[in-house]
PDB file of N, CA and C in Angstrom:
ATOM      1  N   MET A   1     -17.084  -7.641  20.300  1.00  0.00           N
ATOM      2  CA  MET A   1     -17.002  -6.366  19.819  1.00  0.00           C
ATOM      3  C   MET A   1     -18.317  -5.725  19.427  1.00  0.00           C
ATOM      4  N   LYS A   2     -18.598  -4.679  20.025  1.00  0.00           N
ATOM      5  CA  LYS A   2     -19.857  -4.014  19.480  1.00  0.00           C
ATOM      6  C   LYS A   2     -19.609  -2.952  18.494  1.00  0.00           C
ATOM      7  N   LEU A   3     -20.399  -3.316  17.315  1.00  0.00           N
ATOM      8  CA  LEU A   3     -20.267  -2.208  16.372  1.00  0.00           C
ATOM      9  C   LEU A   3     -21.011  -0.868  16.407  1.00  0.00           C
ATOM     10  N   ASP A   4     -20.363   0.369  16.435  1.00  0.00           N
ATOM     11  CA  ASP A   4     -21.185   1.463  16.305  1.00  0.00           C
ATOM     12  C   ASP A   4     -21.692   1.943  14.897  1.00  0.00           C
ATOM     13  N   MET A   5     -22.598   1.551  14.550  1.00  0.00           N
ATOM     14  CA  MET A   5     -23.039   1.767  13.216  1.00  0.00           C
ATOM     15  C   MET A   5     -23.132   3.107  12.656  1.00  0.00           C
ATOM     16  N   THR A   6     -23.513   4.067  13.582  1.00  0.00           N
ATOM     17  CA  THR A   6     -23.703   5.409  13.407  1.00  0.00           C
ATOM     18  C   THR A   6     -22.342   6.028  13.013  1.00  0.00           C
ATOM     19  N   LYS A   7     -21.345   5.575  13.797  1.00  0.00           N
ATOM     20  CA  LYS A   7     -19.971   5.934  13.390  1.00  0.00           C
ATOM     21  C   LYS A   7     -19.539   5.484  12.158  1.00  0.00           C
ATOM     22  N   MET A   8     -20.010   4.190  11.949  1.00  0.00           N
ATOM     23  CA  MET A   8     -19.361   3.626  10.659  1.00  0.00           C
ATOM     24  C   MET A   8     -20.168   4.320   9.359  1.00  0.00           C
ATOM     25  N   ILE A   9     -21.365   4.827   9.387  1.00  0.00           N
ATOM     26  CA  ILE A   9     -21.886   5.442   8.286  1.00  0.00           C
ATOM     27  C   ILE A   9     -21.198   7.016   8.310  1.00  0.00           C
ATOM     28  N   GLN A  10     -20.953   7.621   9.373  1.00  0.00           N
ATOM     29  CA  GLN A  10     -20.161   8.876   9.431  1.00  0.00           C
ATOM     30  C   GLN A  10     -18.782   8.693   8.659  1.00  0.00           C
ATOM     31  N   ARG A  11     -18.026   7.518   8.940  1.00  0.00           N
ATOM     32  CA  ARG A  11     -16.759   7.413   8.281  1.00  0.00           C
ATOM     33  C   ARG A  11     -17.002   7.134   6.892  1.00  0.00           C
ATOM     34  N   ILE A  12     -17.959   6.427   6.574  1.00  0.00           N
ATOM     35  CA  ILE A  12     -18.110   6.287   4.813  1.00  0.00           C
ATOM     36  C   ILE A  12     -18.435   7.628   4.328  1.00  0.00           C
ATOM     37  N   GLY A  13     -19.289   8.398   5.133  1.00  0.00           N
ATOM     38  CA  GLY A  13     -19.493   9.606   4.434  1.00  0.00           C
ATOM     39  C   GLY A  13     -18.095  10.361   4.378  1.00  0.00           C
ATOM     40  N   TYR A  14     -17.367  10.357   5.190  1.00  0.00           N
ATOM     41  CA  TYR A  14     -16.057  11.076   5.418  1.00  0.00           C
ATOM     42  C   TYR A  14     -15.072  10.635   4.104  1.00  0.00           C
ATOM     43  N   LEU A  15     -15.168   9.203   3.983  1.00  0.00           N
ATOM     44  CA  LEU A  15     -14.276   8.678   2.938  1.00  0.00           C
ATOM     45  C   LEU A  15     -14.941   9.250   1.516  1.00  0.00           C
ATOM     46  N   GLU A  16     -16.148   9.099   1.423  1.00  0.00           N
ATOM     47  CA  GLU A  16     -16.636   9.558   0.144  1.00  0.00           C
ATOM     48  C   GLU A  16     -16.265  11.089  -0.065  1.00  0.00           C
ATOM     49  N   GLY A  17     -16.350  11.794   0.931  1.00  0.00           N
ATOM     50  CA  GLY A  17     -15.852  13.235   0.745  1.00  0.00           C
ATOM     51  C   GLY A  17     -14.417  13.419   0.523  1.00  0.00           C
ATOM     52  N   ALA A  18     -13.416  12.669   1.177  1.00  0.00           N
ATOM     53  CA  ALA A  18     -12.147  12.755   1.051  1.00  0.00           C
ATOM     54  C   ALA A  18     -11.718  12.285  -0.376  1.00  0.00           C
ATOM     55  N   ILE A  19     -12.535  11.320  -0.817  1.00  0.00           N
ATOM     56  CA  ILE A  19     -11.906  10.626  -2.090  1.00  0.00           C
ATOM     57  C   ILE A  19     -12.626  11.206  -3.390  1.00  0.00           C
ATOM     58  N   GLU A  20     -13.849  12.010  -3.183  1.00  0.00           N
ATOM     59  CA  GLU A  20     -14.619  12.565  -4.143  1.00  0.00           C
ATOM     60  C   GLU A  20     -13.659  13.470  -5.183  1.00  0.00           C
ATOM     61  N   GLY A  21     -13.806  13.022  -6.381  1.00  0.00           N
ATOM     62  CA  GLY A  21     -13.095  13.784  -7.430  1.00  0.00           C
ATOM     63  C   GLY A  21     -11.813  12.932  -7.794  1.00  0.00           C
ATOM     64  N   ILE A  22     -11.282  12.017  -6.994  1.00  0.00           N
ATOM     65  CA  ILE A  22     -10.213  11.402  -7.248  1.00  0.00           C
ATOM     66  C   ILE A  22     -10.560  10.242  -8.447  1.00  0.00           C
ATOM     67  N   LYS A  23      -9.992  10.370  -9.537  1.00  0.00           N
ATOM     68  CA  LYS A  23     -10.420   9.244 -10.577  1.00  0.00           C
ATOM     69  C   LYS A  23      -9.286   8.437 -10.980  1.00  0.00           C
ATOM     70  N   LEU A  24      -8.032   8.815 -10.559  1.00  0.00           N
ATOM     71  CA  LEU A  24      -6.800   8.164 -10.942  1.00  0.00           C
ATOM     72  C   LEU A  24      -6.107   7.318  -9.762  1.00  0.00           C
ATOM     73  N   TYR A  25      -5.366   6.378 -10.061  1.00  0.00           N
ATOM     74  CA  TYR A  25      -4.516   5.664  -9.001  1.00  0.00           C
ATOM     75  C   TYR A  25      -3.213   5.362  -9.667  1.00  0.00           C
ATOM     76  N   ALA A  26      -2.130   5.183  -8.796  1.00  0.00           N
ATOM     77  CA  ALA A  26      -0.809   4.887  -9.386  1.00  0.00           C
ATOM     78  C   ALA A  26      -0.615   3.545  -9.025  1.00  0.00           C
ATOM     79  N   ILE A  27      -0.143   2.593  -9.978  1.00  0.00           N
ATOM     80  CA  ILE A  27       0.283   1.224  -9.690  1.00  0.00           C
ATOM     81  C   ILE A  27       1.819   1.050 -10.224  1.00  0.00           C
ATOM     82  N   TRP A  28       2.419   0.007  -9.693  1.00  0.00           N
ATOM     83  CA  TRP A  28       3.764  -0.344 -10.242  1.00  0.00           C
ATOM     84  C   TRP A  28       3.594  -1.598 -10.802  1.00  0.00           C
ATOM     85  N   ARG A  29       4.136  -1.705 -12.061  1.00  0.00           N
ATOM     86  CA  ARG A  29       4.252  -2.935 -12.816  1.00  0.00           C
ATOM     87  C   ARG A  29       5.634  -2.940 -13.407  1.00  0.00           C
ATOM     88  N   ASN A  30       6.354  -4.047 -13.287  1.00  0.00           N
ATOM     89  CA  ASN A  30       7.815  -4.373 -13.901  1.00  0.00           C
ATOM     90  C   ASN A  30       8.651  -3.075 -13.499  1.00  0.00           C
ATOM     91  N   GLY A  31       8.588  -2.602 -12.358  1.00  0.00           N
ATOM     92  CA  GLY A  31       9.433  -1.587 -11.768  1.00  0.00           C
ATOM     93  C   GLY A  31       9.162  -0.102 -12.346  1.00  0.00           C
ATOM     94  N   GLU A  32       7.981  -0.015 -13.198  1.00  0.00           N
ATOM     95  CA  GLU A  32       7.512   1.281 -13.661  1.00  0.00           C
ATOM     96  C   GLU A  32       6.149   1.739 -12.998  1.00  0.00           C
ATOM     97  N   GLN A  33       6.093   3.041 -12.800  1.00  0.00           N
ATOM     98  CA  GLN A  33       4.898   3.525 -12.239  1.00  0.00           C
ATOM     99  C   GLN A  33       3.894   3.812 -13.419  1.00  0.00           C
ATOM    100  N   GLN A  34       2.716   3.276 -13.298  1.00  0.00           N
ATOM    101  CA  GLN A  34       1.666   3.484 -14.349  1.00  0.00           C
ATOM    102  C   GLN A  34       0.569   4.013 -13.565  1.00  0.00           C
ATOM    103  N   VAL A  35      -0.418   4.770 -14.460  1.00  0.00           N
ATOM    104  CA  VAL A  35      -1.609   5.313 -13.797  1.00  0.00           C
ATOM    105  C   VAL A  35      -2.760   4.515 -14.482  1.00  0.00           C
ATOM    106  N   GLY A  36      -3.777   4.238 -13.431  1.00  0.00           N
ATOM    107  CA  GLY A  36      -5.030   3.709 -13.990  1.00  0.00           C
ATOM    108  C   GLY A  36      -6.159   4.489 -13.640  1.00  0.00           C
ATOM    109  N   CYS A  37      -7.380   4.142 -13.838  1.00  0.00           N
ATOM    110  CA  CYS A  37      -8.430   4.965 -13.349  1.00  0.00           C
ATOM    111  C   CYS A  37      -9.412   3.988 -12.871  1.00  0.00           C
ATOM    112  N   LEU A  38     -10.199   4.436 -11.745  1.00  0.00           N
ATOM    113  CA  LEU A  38     -11.336   3.761 -11.106  1.00  0.00           C
ATOM    114  C   LEU A  38     -12.352   3.126 -12.001  1.00  0.00           C
ATOM    115  N   GLU A  39     -12.697   2.130 -11.997  1.00  0.00           N
ATOM    116  CA  GLU A  39     -13.807   1.332 -12.911  1.00  0.00           C
ATOM    117  C   GLU A  39     -15.234   1.912 -12.593  1.00  0.00           C
ATOM    118  N   ARG A  40     -15.275   1.998 -11.286  1.00  0.00           N
ATOM    119  CA  ARG A  40     -16.544   2.438 -10.652  1.00  0.00           C
ATOM    120  C   ARG A  40     -16.329   3.486  -9.609  1.00  0.00           C
ATOM    121  N   PRO A  41     -17.301   4.545  -9.589  1.00  0.00           N
ATOM    122  CA  PRO A  41     -17.038   5.595  -8.738  1.00  0.00           C
ATOM    123  C   PRO A  41     -17.276   5.113  -7.309  1.00  0.00           C
ATOM    124  N   LEU A  42     -16.414   5.701  -6.490  1.00  0.00           N
ATOM    125  CA  LEU A  42     -16.369   5.161  -4.975  1.00  0.00           C
ATOM    126  C   LEU A  42     -17.770   5.196  -4.308  1.00  0.00           C
ATOM    127  N   LYS A  43     -18.556   6.252  -4.621  1.00  0.00           N
ATOM    128  CA  LYS A  43     -19.991   6.274  -4.047  1.00  0.00           C
ATOM    129  C   LYS A  43     -20.754   5.086  -4.411  1.00  0.00           C
ATOM    130  N   GLU A  44     -20.643   4.659  -5.615  1.00  0.00           N
ATOM    131  CA  GLU A  44     -21.180   3.463  -6.250  1.00  0.00           C
ATOM    132  C   GLU A  44     -20.796   2.262  -5.466  1.00  0.00           C
ATOM    133  N   VAL A  45     -19.506   2.193  -5.341  1.00  0.00           N
ATOM    134  CA  VAL A  45     -18.863   0.905  -4.492  1.00  0.00           C
ATOM    135  C   VAL A  45     -19.556   0.846  -3.070  1.00  0.00           C
ATOM    136  N   LEU A  46     -19.498   2.140  -2.385  1.00  0.00           N
ATOM    137  CA  LEU A  46     -19.995   2.072  -1.108  1.00  0.00           C
ATOM    138  C   LEU A  46     -21.516   2.125  -0.827  1.00  0.00           C
ATOM    139  N   LYS A  47     -22.200   2.516  -1.806  1.00  0.00           N
ATOM    140  CA  LYS A  47     -23.761   2.398  -1.644  1.00  0.00           C
ATOM    141  C   LYS A  47     -24.354   1.401  -1.020  1.00  0.00           C
ATOM    142  N   PRO A  48     -24.055   0.070  -1.379  1.00  0.00           N
ATOM    143  CA  PRO A  48     -24.812  -0.932  -0.725  1.00  0.00           C
ATOM    144  C   PRO A  48     -24.454  -1.052   0.704  1.00  0.00           C
ATOM    145  N   TYR A  49     -23.286  -0.733   1.117  1.00  0.00           N
ATOM    146  CA  TYR A  49     -22.770  -0.999   2.522  1.00  0.00           C
ATOM    147  C   TYR A  49     -23.408   0.102   3.363  1.00  0.00           C
ATOM    148  N   LYS A  50     -23.542   1.321   2.751  1.00  0.00           N
ATOM    149  CA  LYS A  50     -24.084   2.399   3.490  1.00  0.00           C
ATOM    150  C   LYS A  50     -25.688   2.343   3.631  1.00  0.00           C
ATOM    151  N   GLU A  51     -26.338   1.792   2.607  1.00  0.00           N
ATOM    152  CA  GLU A  51     -27.739   1.317   2.873  1.00  0.00           C
ATOM    153  C   GLU A  51     -28.082   0.366   3.787  1.00  0.00           C
ATOM    154  N   GLU A  52     -27.079  -0.729   3.855  1.00  0.00           N
ATOM    155  CA  GLU A  52     -27.286  -1.657   4.819  1.00  0.00           C
ATOM    156  C   GLU A  52     -27.222  -1.275   6.291  1.00  0.00           C
ATOM    157  N   LEU A  53     -26.142  -0.449   6.361  1.00  0.00           N
ATOM    158  CA  LEU A  53     -25.948   0.069   7.662  1.00  0.00           C
ATOM    159  C   LEU A  53     -26.921   0.994   8.039  1.00  0.00           C
ATOM    160  N   THR A  54     -27.504   1.938   7.348  1.00  0.00           N
ATOM    161  CA  THR A  54     -28.494   2.817   7.622  1.00  0.00           C
ATOM    162  C   THR A  54     -29.782   1.886   8.026  1.00  0.00           C
ATOM    163  N   ARG A  55     -30.123   0.795   7.302  1.00  0.00           N
ATOM    164  CA  ARG A  55     -31.160  -0.131   7.545  1.00  0.00           C
ATOM    165  C   ARG A  55     -31.049  -0.580   9.027  1.00  0.00           C
ATOM    166  N   LEU A  56     -29.879  -1.193   9.304  1.00  0.00           N
ATOM    167  CA  LEU A  56     -29.624  -1.754  10.601  1.00  0.00           C
ATOM    168  C   LEU A  56     -29.794  -0.679  11.712  1.00  0.00           C
ATOM    169  N   ILE A  57     -29.294   0.548  11.520  1.00  0.00           N
ATOM    170  CA  ILE A  57     -29.497   1.597  12.631  1.00  0.00           C
ATOM    171  C   ILE A  57     -31.118   1.729  12.779  1.00  0.00           C
ATOM    172  N   SER A  58     -31.818   1.597  11.865  1.00  0.00           N
ATOM    173  CA  SER A  58     -33.317   2.032  12.033  1.00  0.00           C
ATOM    174  C   SER A  58     -33.960   1.099  12.696  1.00  0.00           C
ATOM    175  N   VAL A  59     -33.528  -0.094  12.936  1.00  0.00           N
ATOM    176  CA  VAL A  59     -34.161  -1.161  13.558  1.00  0.00           C
ATOM    177  C   VAL A  59     -33.811  -1.214  15.003  1.00  0.00           C
ATOM    178  N   ARG A  60     -34.817  -1.144  15.808  1.00  0.00           N
ATOM    179  CA  ARG A  60     -34.768  -1.030  17.343  1.00  0.00           C
ATOM    180  C   ARG A  60     -34.147  -2.270  17.833  1.00  0.00           C
ATOM    181  N   THR A  61     -33.293  -2.131  18.819  1.00  0.00           N
ATOM    182  CA  THR A  61     -32.444  -3.292  19.358  1.00  0.00           C
ATOM    183  C   THR A  61     -33.441  -4.512  19.795  1.00  0.00           C
ATOM    184  N   GLU A  62     -34.597  -4.395  20.223  1.00  0.00           N
ATOM    185  CA  GLU A  62     -35.518  -5.354  20.628  1.00  0.00           C
ATOM    186  C   GLU A  62     -36.153  -6.059  19.363  1.00  0.00           C
ATOM    187  N   ASP A  63     -36.032  -5.491  18.273  1.00  0.00           N
ATOM    188  CA  ASP A  63     -36.703  -5.870  17.107  1.00  0.00           C
ATOM    189  C   ASP A  63     -35.497  -6.682  16.093  1.00  0.00           C
ATOM    190  N   ARG A  64     -34.335  -6.814  16.766  1.00  0.00           N
ATOM    191  CA  ARG A  64     -33.252  -7.605  16.085  1.00  0.00           C
ATOM    192  C   ARG A  64     -33.098  -8.920  16.837  1.00  0.00           C
ATOM    193  N   CYS A  65     -32.604 -10.030  15.799  1.00  0.00           N
ATOM    194  CA  CYS A  65     -31.996 -10.912  16.342  1.00  0.00           C
ATOM    195  C   CYS A  65     -30.581 -11.240  15.762  1.00  0.00           C
ATOM    196  N   GLU A  66     -29.573 -11.147  16.707  1.00  0.00           N
ATOM    197  CA  GLU A  66     -28.256 -10.970  16.370  1.00  0.00           C
ATOM    198  C   GLU A  66     -27.671 -12.543  16.264  1.00  0.00           C
ATOM    199  N   TRP A  67     -27.031 -12.775  15.137  1.00  0.00           N
ATOM    200  CA  TRP A  67     -26.302 -14.047  14.928  1.00  0.00           C
ATOM    201  C   TRP A  67     -25.045 -13.941  15.014  1.00  0.00           C
ATOM    202  N   ARG A  68     -24.371 -14.746  15.588  1.00  0.00           N
ATOM    203  CA  ARG A  68     -22.779 -14.651  15.905  1.00  0.00           C
ATOM    204  C   ARG A  68     -22.345 -16.045  15.232  1.00  0.00           C
ATOM    205  N   GLU A  69     -21.280 -15.974  14.395  1.00  0.00           N
ATOM    206  CA  GLU A  69     -20.768 -17.113  13.898  1.00  0.00           C
ATOM    207  C   GLU A  69     -19.807 -17.892  14.957  1.00  0.00           C
ATOM    208  N   ASP A  70     -19.893 -19.131  15.098  1.00  0.00           N
ATOM    209  CA  ASP A  70     -19.000 -19.738  16.089  1.00  0.00           C
ATOM    210  C   ASP A  70     -17.764 -20.466  15.303  1.00  0.00           C
ATOM    211  N   VAL A  71     -17.003 -21.033  16.135  1.00  0.00           N
ATOM    212  CA  VAL A  71     -15.679 -21.527  15.521  1.00  0.00           C
ATOM    213  C   VAL A  71     -15.977 -22.750  14.553  1.00  0.00           C
ATOM    214  N   ASP A  72     -17.080 -23.205  14.460  1.00  0.00           N
ATOM    215  CA  ASP A  72     -17.305 -24.349  13.488  1.00  0.00           C
ATOM    216  C   ASP A  72     -17.911 -23.620  12.250  1.00  0.00           C
ATOM    217  N   GLY A  73     -18.268 -22.247  12.264  1.00  0.00           N
ATOM    218  CA  GLY A  73     -18.920 -21.513  11.091  1.00  0.00           C
ATOM    219  C   GLY A  73     -20.511 -21.691  11.188  1.00  0.00           C
ATOM    220  N   ASP A  74     -20.994 -22.228  12.353  1.00  0.00           N
ATOM    221  CA  ASP A  74     -22.429 -22.260  12.512  1.00  0.00           C
ATOM    222  C   ASP A  74     -22.785 -20.966  13.124  1.00  0.00           C
ATOM    223  N   TYR A  75     -23.997 -20.568  13.104  1.00  0.00           N
ATOM    224  CA  TYR A  75     -24.639 -19.208  13.752  1.00  0.00           C
ATOM    225  C   TYR A  75     -25.326 -19.586  15.027  1.00  0.00           C
ATOM    226  N   GLU A  76     -25.103 -18.950  16.104  1.00  0.00           N
ATOM    227  CA  GLU A  76     -25.749 -18.967  17.367  1.00  0.00           C
ATOM    228  C   GLU A  76     -26.637 -17.688  17.348  1.00  0.00           C
ATOM    229  N   THR A  77     -27.943 -17.873  17.541  1.00  0.00           N
ATOM    230  CA  THR A  77     -28.934 -16.741  17.441  1.00  0.00           C
ATOM    231  C   THR A  77     -29.035 -16.133  18.796  1.00  0.00           C
ATOM    232  N   SER A  78     -29.630 -14.751  19.017  1.00  0.00           N
ATOM    233  CA  SER A  78     -29.893 -14.401  20.274  1.00  0.00           C
ATOM    234  C   SER A  78     -31.281 -14.954  20.705  1.00  0.00           C
ATOM    235  N   CYS A  79     -31.985 -15.618  19.868  1.00  0.00           N
ATOM    236  CA  CYS A  79     -33.310 -16.303  20.337  1.00  0.00           C
ATOM    237  C   CYS A  79     -32.816 -17.570  20.719  1.00  0.00           C
ATOM    238  N   ASP A  80     -31.533 -17.943  21.142  1.00  0.00           N
ATOM    239  CA  ASP A  80     -31.129 -19.408  21.606  1.00  0.00           C
ATOM    240  C   ASP A  80     -31.478 -20.460  20.690  1.00  0.00           C
ATOM    241  N   ASN A  81     -30.948 -20.249  19.395  1.00  0.00           N
ATOM    242  CA  ASN A  81     -30.993 -21.320  18.374  1.00  0.00           C
ATOM    243  C   ASN A  81     -29.730 -21.409  17.679  1.00  0.00           C
ATOM    244  N   LEU A  82     -29.596 -22.500  16.749  1.00  0.00           N
ATOM    245  CA  LEU A  82     -28.310 -22.697  16.154  1.00  0.00           C
ATOM    246  C   LEU A  82     -28.867 -23.009  14.719  1.00  0.00           C
ATOM    247  N   PHE A  83     -28.033 -22.148  13.779  1.00  0.00           N
ATOM    248  CA  PHE A  83     -28.495 -22.335  12.404  1.00  0.00           C
ATOM    249  C   PHE A  83     -27.225 -22.745  11.543  1.00  0.00           C
ATOM    250  N   ILE A  84     -27.304 -23.567  10.602  1.00  0.00           N
ATOM    251  CA  ILE A  84     -26.154 -24.091  10.031  1.00  0.00           C
ATOM    252  C   ILE A  84     -26.403 -23.674   8.483  1.00  0.00           C
ATOM    253  N   LEU A  85     -25.491 -23.074   7.878  1.00  0.00           N
ATOM    254  CA  LEU A  85     -25.510 -22.759   6.421  1.00  0.00           C
ATOM    255  C   LEU A  85     -24.464 -23.625   5.721  1.00  0.00           C
ATOM    256  N   ILE A  86     -24.727 -24.270   4.638  1.00  0.00           N
ATOM    257  CA  ILE A  86     -23.778 -25.211   3.838  1.00  0.00           C
ATOM    258  C   ILE A  86     -22.814 -24.167   3.194  1.00  0.00           C
ATOM    259  N   ASP A  87     -23.300 -23.057   2.682  1.00  0.00           N
ATOM    260  CA  ASP A  87     -22.395 -22.279   1.813  1.00  0.00           C
ATOM    261  C   ASP A  87     -22.716 -20.772   2.038  1.00  0.00           C
ATOM    262  N   GLY A  88     -21.770 -19.817   2.283  1.00  0.00           N
ATOM    263  CA  GLY A  88     -21.808 -18.518   2.389  1.00  0.00           C
ATOM    264  C   GLY A  88     -22.432 -17.981   3.786  1.00  0.00           C
ATOM    265  N   THR A  89     -22.767 -16.846   3.890  1.00  0.00           N
ATOM    266  CA  THR A  89     -23.157 -16.175   4.976  1.00  0.00           C
ATOM    267  C   THR A  89     -24.711 -15.958   5.065  1.00  0.00           C
ATOM    268  N   PRO A  90     -25.431 -15.559   6.012  1.00  0.00           N
ATOM    269  CA  PRO A  90     -26.968 -15.367   5.951  1.00  0.00           C
ATOM    270  C   PRO A  90     -27.050 -14.175   4.849  1.00  0.00           C
ATOM    271  N   THR A  91     -26.220 -13.160   4.713  1.00  0.00           N
ATOM    272  CA  THR A  91     -26.365 -12.084   3.817  1.00  0.00           C
ATOM    273  C   THR A  91     -26.209 -12.563   2.435  1.00  0.00           C
ATOM    274  N   ASP A  92     -25.274 -13.551   2.214  1.00  0.00           N
ATOM    275  CA  ASP A  92     -24.856 -14.096   0.931  1.00  0.00           C
ATOM    276  C   ASP A  92     -26.155 -14.759   0.275  1.00  0.00           C
ATOM    277  N   ASN A  93     -26.857 -15.363   1.286  1.00  0.00           N
ATOM    278  CA  ASN A  93     -28.073 -16.190   1.021  1.00  0.00           C
ATOM    279  C   ASN A  93     -29.429 -15.578   1.149  1.00  0.00           C
ATOM    280  N   GLY A  94     -29.306 -14.282   1.252  1.00  0.00           N
ATOM    281  CA  GLY A  94     -30.395 -13.337   1.047  1.00  0.00           C
ATOM    282  C   GLY A  94     -31.401 -13.379   2.199  1.00  0.00           C
ATOM    283  N   MET A  95     -30.830 -13.756   3.456  1.00  0.00           N
ATOM    284  CA  MET A  95     -31.601 -13.876   4.587  1.00  0.00           C
ATOM    285  C   MET A  95     -31.506 -12.488   5.476  1.00  0.00           C
ATOM    286  N   SER A  96     -33.003 -12.024   5.537  1.00  0.00           N
ATOM    287  CA  SER A  96     -33.060 -10.718   6.277  1.00  0.00           C
ATOM    288  C   SER A  96     -33.821 -10.838   7.510  1.00  0.00           C
ATOM    289  N   PHE A  97     -34.493 -12.031   7.893  1.00  0.00           N
ATOM    290  CA  PHE A  97     -35.250 -12.124   9.018  1.00  0.00           C
ATOM    291  C   PHE A  97     -34.935 -13.691   9.591  1.00  0.00           C
ATOM    292  N   CYS A  98     -34.760 -13.608  11.052  1.00  0.00           N
ATOM    293  CA  CYS A  98     -34.481 -14.883  11.615  1.00  0.00           C
ATOM    294  C   CYS A  98     -35.607 -15.722  11.302  1.00  0.00           C
ATOM    295  N   PRO A  99     -35.459 -17.270  10.808  1.00  0.00           N
ATOM    296  CA  PRO A  99     -36.485 -18.014  10.517  1.00  0.00           C
ATOM    297  C   PRO A  99     -37.249 -18.608  11.978  1.00  0.00           C
ATOM    298  N   TYR A 100     -36.431 -18.404  13.316  1.00  0.00           N
ATOM    299  CA  TYR A 100     -36.964 -18.921  14.329  1.00  0.00           C
ATOM    300  C   TYR A 100     -37.946 -17.900  15.144  1.00  0.00           C
ATOM    301  N   CYS A 101     -37.636 -16.646  15.173  1.00  0.00           N
ATOM    302  CA  CYS A 101     -38.352 -15.577  15.819  1.00  0.00           C
ATOM    303  C   CYS A 101     -39.005 -14.573  15.045  1.00  0.00           C
ATOM    304  N   GLY A 102     -38.348 -14.438  13.605  1.00  0.00           N
ATOM    305  CA  GLY A 102     -39.054 -13.557  12.864  1.00  0.00           C
ATOM    306  C   GLY A 102     -38.586 -12.081  12.913  1.00  0.00           C
ATOM    307  N   ARG A 103     -37.683 -11.847  13.865  1.00  0.00           N
ATOM    308  CA  ARG A 103     -37.057 -10.509  13.804  1.00  0.00           C
ATOM    309  C   ARG A 103     -36.103 -10.384  12.791  1.00  0.00           C
ATOM    310  N   VAL A 104     -35.491  -8.951  12.699  1.00  0.00           N
ATOM    311  CA  VAL A 104     -34.510  -8.672  11.656  1.00  0.00           C
ATOM    312  C   VAL A 104     -33.330  -9.317  12.034  1.00  0.00           C
ATOM    313  N   LEU A 105     -32.616 -10.019  11.165  1.00  0.00           N
ATOM    314  CA  LEU A 105     -31.516 -10.744  11.199  1.00  0.00           C
ATOM    315  C   LEU A 105     -30.204  -9.760  11.210  1.00  0.00           C
ATOM    316  N   ILE A 106     -29.431  -9.816  12.119  1.00  0.00           N
ATOM    317  CA  ILE A 106     -28.313  -8.991  12.217  1.00  0.00           C
ATOM    318  C   ILE A 106     -27.099 -10.020  12.407  1.00  0.00           C
ATOM    319  N   THR A 107     -26.047  -9.844  11.632  1.00  0.00           N
ATOM    320  CA  THR A 107     -24.777 -10.705  11.998  1.00  0.00           C
ATOM    321  C   THR A 107     -23.903  -9.926  12.465  1.00  0.00           C
ATOM    322  N   THR A 108     -23.312 -10.431  13.699  1.00  0.00           N
ATOM    323  CA  THR A 108     -22.133  -9.687  14.278  1.00  0.00           C
ATOM    324  C   THR A 108     -20.899 -10.504  14.448  1.00  0.00           C
ATOM    325  N   SER A 109     -19.841  -9.916  14.657  1.00  0.00           N
ATOM    326  CA  SER A 109     -18.582 -10.644  14.789  1.00  0.00           C
ATOM    327  C   SER A 109     -18.147 -10.842  16.293  1.00  0.00           C
TER     328      SER A 109
END
């Protein structure tokens, strides 16, 4: 499955606009409807995702090294290597560049 990151950014922008100004949400507890409020504004919640997508779009395809997680949880790289992480994902571990080829590291599903 190929991700269209431009469309993803547009959808995030749409969500921000659609939910702008909504500060309350309804929940049900013990059969009664109660109202709560968002702890953080939606724009603040979505900001890191939007920034990451924008960064990924700005990187030319030939300057990317795509990593795909295999069934064992290891990562196969587009530069024909295998990388094993003990815990978390490359993003969780602060990895931005492929240690094999030095290109920008992109994880795909």
